[in-house]
N, C-alpha and C. Protein backbone atom coordinates (compact mmCIF):
# COMPACT_ATOMS: atom_id res chain seq x y z
N UNK A 1 0.84 -1.17 0.00
CA UNK A 1 0.00 0.00 0.00
C UNK A 1 0.89 1.24 0.00
N UNK A 2 0.44 2.26 -0.71
CA UNK A 2 1.16 3.51 -0.76
C UNK A 2 0.53 4.52 0.19
N UNK A 3 1.38 5.32 0.80
CA UNK A 3 0.93 6.39 1.68
C UNK A 3 1.46 7.70 1.12
N UNK A 4 0.56 8.66 0.96
CA UNK A 4 0.93 9.95 0.41
C UNK A 4 1.39 10.87 1.55
N UNK A 5 2.63 11.31 1.48
CA UNK A 5 3.21 12.16 2.51
C UNK A 5 3.02 13.63 2.15
N UNK A 6 3.25 13.95 0.90
CA UNK A 6 3.13 15.32 0.40
C UNK A 6 2.69 15.22 -1.06
N UNK A 7 2.33 16.34 -1.69
CA UNK A 7 1.98 16.26 -3.12
C UNK A 7 3.13 15.67 -3.93
N UNK A 8 2.82 14.66 -4.69
CA UNK A 8 3.77 13.95 -5.56
C UNK A 8 4.82 13.14 -4.80
N UNK A 9 4.58 12.87 -3.52
CA UNK A 9 5.51 12.05 -2.73
C UNK A 9 4.73 10.92 -2.10
N UNK A 10 5.06 9.68 -2.51
CA UNK A 10 4.41 8.50 -1.96
C UNK A 10 5.47 7.56 -1.42
N UNK A 11 5.08 6.80 -0.40
CA UNK A 11 5.98 5.81 0.20
C UNK A 11 5.25 4.48 0.24
N UNK A 12 5.93 3.42 -0.18
CA UNK A 12 5.34 2.09 -0.14
C UNK A 12 5.66 1.45 1.21
N UNK A 13 4.63 0.80 1.80
CA UNK A 13 4.82 0.12 3.08
C UNK A 13 4.43 -1.35 2.94
N UNK A 14 5.26 -2.26 3.44
CA UNK A 14 4.89 -3.68 3.46
C UNK A 14 3.83 -3.96 4.50
N UNK A 15 3.30 -5.18 4.47
CA UNK A 15 2.21 -5.57 5.37
C UNK A 15 2.57 -5.43 6.84
N UNK A 16 3.79 -5.80 7.20
CA UNK A 16 4.21 -5.74 8.60
C UNK A 16 4.12 -4.32 9.14
N UNK A 17 4.55 -3.34 8.36
CA UNK A 17 4.49 -1.96 8.80
C UNK A 17 3.06 -1.44 8.82
N UNK A 18 2.22 -1.89 7.89
CA UNK A 18 0.81 -1.50 7.90
C UNK A 18 0.09 -2.04 9.13
N UNK A 19 0.40 -3.26 9.50
CA UNK A 19 -0.20 -3.82 10.71
C UNK A 19 0.23 -3.05 11.95
N UNK A 20 1.46 -2.61 11.98
CA UNK A 20 1.95 -1.81 13.10
C UNK A 20 1.21 -0.47 13.17
N UNK A 21 1.00 0.17 12.03
CA UNK A 21 0.27 1.44 11.99
C UNK A 21 -1.16 1.24 12.45
N UNK A 22 -1.81 0.18 11.99
CA UNK A 22 -3.19 -0.09 12.41
C UNK A 22 -3.28 -0.35 13.91
N UNK A 23 -2.27 -0.98 14.46
CA UNK A 23 -2.27 -1.30 15.88
C UNK A 23 -2.16 -0.03 16.74
N UNK A 24 -1.35 0.93 16.32
CA UNK A 24 -1.08 2.12 17.13
C UNK A 24 -1.75 3.38 16.60
N UNK A 25 -2.61 3.26 15.61
CA UNK A 25 -3.30 4.42 15.04
C UNK A 25 -4.25 5.07 16.03
N UNK A 26 -4.86 4.28 16.89
CA UNK A 26 -5.87 4.80 17.81
C UNK A 26 -5.29 5.64 18.96
N UNK A 27 -3.98 5.53 19.19
CA UNK A 27 -3.34 6.29 20.27
C UNK A 27 -2.90 7.66 19.75
N UNK A 28 -3.01 8.68 20.60
CA UNK A 28 -2.50 9.99 20.22
C UNK A 28 -0.97 9.96 20.13
N UNK A 29 -0.35 9.27 21.08
CA UNK A 29 1.09 9.08 21.07
C UNK A 29 1.41 7.83 21.87
N UNK A 30 2.62 7.32 21.70
CA UNK A 30 3.10 6.18 22.46
C UNK A 30 4.61 6.30 22.59
N UNK A 31 5.16 5.60 23.55
CA UNK A 31 6.60 5.67 23.82
C UNK A 31 7.28 4.38 23.41
N UNK A 32 8.56 4.46 23.15
CA UNK A 32 9.30 3.28 22.73
C UNK A 32 9.43 2.27 23.87
N UNK A 33 9.32 2.71 25.11
CA UNK A 33 9.38 1.78 26.24
C UNK A 33 8.12 0.90 26.30
N UNK A 34 7.04 1.29 25.66
CA UNK A 34 5.81 0.51 25.63
C UNK A 34 5.83 -0.55 24.52
N UNK A 35 6.80 -0.48 23.64
CA UNK A 35 6.86 -1.37 22.48
C UNK A 35 7.68 -2.62 22.78
N UNK A 36 7.42 -3.66 21.98
CA UNK A 36 8.25 -4.86 22.04
C UNK A 36 9.54 -4.58 21.28
N UNK A 37 10.50 -5.48 21.41
CA UNK A 37 11.83 -5.26 20.84
C UNK A 37 11.77 -5.14 19.31
N UNK A 38 11.04 -6.03 18.64
CA UNK A 38 10.99 -5.96 17.18
C UNK A 38 10.15 -4.78 16.69
N UNK A 39 9.24 -4.27 17.52
CA UNK A 39 8.41 -3.13 17.13
C UNK A 39 9.19 -1.82 17.19
N UNK A 40 10.24 -1.76 17.99
CA UNK A 40 11.04 -0.54 18.07
C UNK A 40 11.70 -0.24 16.73
N UNK A 41 12.22 -1.27 16.07
CA UNK A 41 12.85 -1.08 14.77
C UNK A 41 11.83 -0.64 13.72
N UNK A 42 10.63 -1.17 13.78
CA UNK A 42 9.58 -0.77 12.84
C UNK A 42 9.21 0.70 13.06
N UNK A 43 9.08 1.10 14.32
CA UNK A 43 8.75 2.49 14.63
C UNK A 43 9.85 3.44 14.15
N UNK A 44 11.10 3.05 14.30
CA UNK A 44 12.21 3.88 13.83
C UNK A 44 12.18 4.04 12.32
N UNK A 45 11.93 2.95 11.60
CA UNK A 45 11.90 3.04 10.14
C UNK A 45 10.71 3.85 9.65
N UNK A 46 9.57 3.74 10.33
CA UNK A 46 8.41 4.55 9.95
C UNK A 46 8.63 6.03 10.27
N UNK A 47 9.37 6.32 11.31
CA UNK A 47 9.71 7.71 11.60
C UNK A 47 10.68 8.25 10.55
N UNK A 48 11.58 7.41 10.06
CA UNK A 48 12.49 7.83 8.99
C UNK A 48 11.74 8.10 7.69
N UNK A 49 10.63 7.40 7.49
CA UNK A 49 9.80 7.58 6.29
C UNK A 49 8.77 8.69 6.47
N UNK A 50 8.78 9.37 7.60
CA UNK A 50 7.86 10.47 7.94
C UNK A 50 6.43 10.02 8.14
N UNK A 51 6.21 8.76 8.45
CA UNK A 51 4.88 8.27 8.77
C UNK A 51 4.57 8.60 10.23
N UNK A 52 5.56 8.43 11.09
CA UNK A 52 5.44 8.79 12.50
C UNK A 52 6.31 10.00 12.77
N UNK A 53 5.89 10.80 13.73
CA UNK A 53 6.67 11.94 14.20
C UNK A 53 7.37 11.49 15.48
N UNK A 54 8.65 11.77 15.56
CA UNK A 54 9.46 11.31 16.68
C UNK A 54 9.85 12.50 17.55
N UNK A 55 9.67 12.35 18.86
CA UNK A 55 10.08 13.37 19.81
C UNK A 55 11.00 12.71 20.83
N UNK A 56 12.21 13.18 20.91
CA UNK A 56 13.17 12.60 21.84
C UNK A 56 13.00 13.21 23.22
N UNK A 57 12.78 12.36 24.18
CA UNK A 57 12.66 12.78 25.57
C UNK A 57 13.97 12.48 26.29
N UNK A 58 14.06 12.81 27.57
CA UNK A 58 15.31 12.58 28.31
C UNK A 58 15.69 11.10 28.34
N UNK A 59 14.74 10.24 28.67
CA UNK A 59 15.04 8.81 28.82
C UNK A 59 14.31 7.93 27.83
N UNK A 60 13.56 8.51 26.92
CA UNK A 60 12.71 7.72 26.05
C UNK A 60 12.48 8.46 24.73
N UNK A 61 11.78 7.82 23.82
CA UNK A 61 11.39 8.43 22.56
C UNK A 61 9.88 8.31 22.44
N UNK A 62 9.24 9.40 22.08
CA UNK A 62 7.79 9.41 21.93
C UNK A 62 7.46 9.48 20.45
N UNK A 63 6.50 8.67 20.00
CA UNK A 63 6.07 8.63 18.61
C UNK A 63 4.60 9.03 18.52
N UNK A 64 4.25 9.67 17.41
CA UNK A 64 2.86 10.00 17.12
C UNK A 64 2.66 9.89 15.61
N UNK A 65 1.47 9.53 15.19
CA UNK A 65 1.17 9.40 13.77
C UNK A 65 1.13 10.78 13.14
N UNK A 66 1.78 10.91 12.00
CA UNK A 66 1.79 12.17 11.26
C UNK A 66 0.38 12.44 10.75
N UNK A 67 -0.20 13.56 11.12
CA UNK A 67 -1.59 13.88 10.78
C UNK A 67 -1.77 14.33 9.34
N UNK A 68 -0.68 14.64 8.64
CA UNK A 68 -0.78 15.15 7.28
C UNK A 68 -0.70 14.08 6.21
N UNK A 69 -0.51 12.83 6.58
CA UNK A 69 -0.39 11.77 5.59
C UNK A 69 -1.77 11.30 5.14
N UNK A 70 -1.83 10.75 3.94
CA UNK A 70 -3.06 10.20 3.38
C UNK A 70 -2.78 8.80 2.87
N UNK A 71 -3.70 7.87 3.16
CA UNK A 71 -3.55 6.49 2.72
C UNK A 71 -4.10 6.36 1.31
N UNK A 72 -3.37 5.65 0.45
CA UNK A 72 -3.71 5.48 -0.95
C UNK A 72 -3.64 3.99 -1.26
N UNK A 73 -4.59 3.48 -2.02
CA UNK A 73 -4.61 2.04 -2.28
C UNK A 73 -3.62 1.60 -3.35
N UNK A 74 -2.94 2.53 -4.00
CA UNK A 74 -1.91 2.17 -4.97
C UNK A 74 -2.41 2.09 -6.39
N UNK A 75 -3.69 2.24 -6.62
CA UNK A 75 -4.22 2.19 -7.99
C UNK A 75 -3.95 3.51 -8.69
N UNK A 76 -3.72 3.42 -9.98
CA UNK A 76 -3.46 4.62 -10.76
C UNK A 76 -4.78 5.28 -11.14
N UNK A 77 -4.74 6.58 -11.23
CA UNK A 77 -5.96 7.34 -11.54
C UNK A 77 -6.13 7.49 -13.03
């Protein structure tokens, strides 16, 4: 599935990352200490792709879903 970050900018996400987004979409924010070990790497890669917004705290990292992204099914118009 493609996710639109900005006009003319799309990012492809595999199923594993989509499942992670669906799992944490309902939260306003979450911390890396609340995640499992393999989920931390997924959250980092999604933050690098601008899907999640990352805020570094003193002892932890806080993530939130980027509100400006749009989900696209990948079909051409």
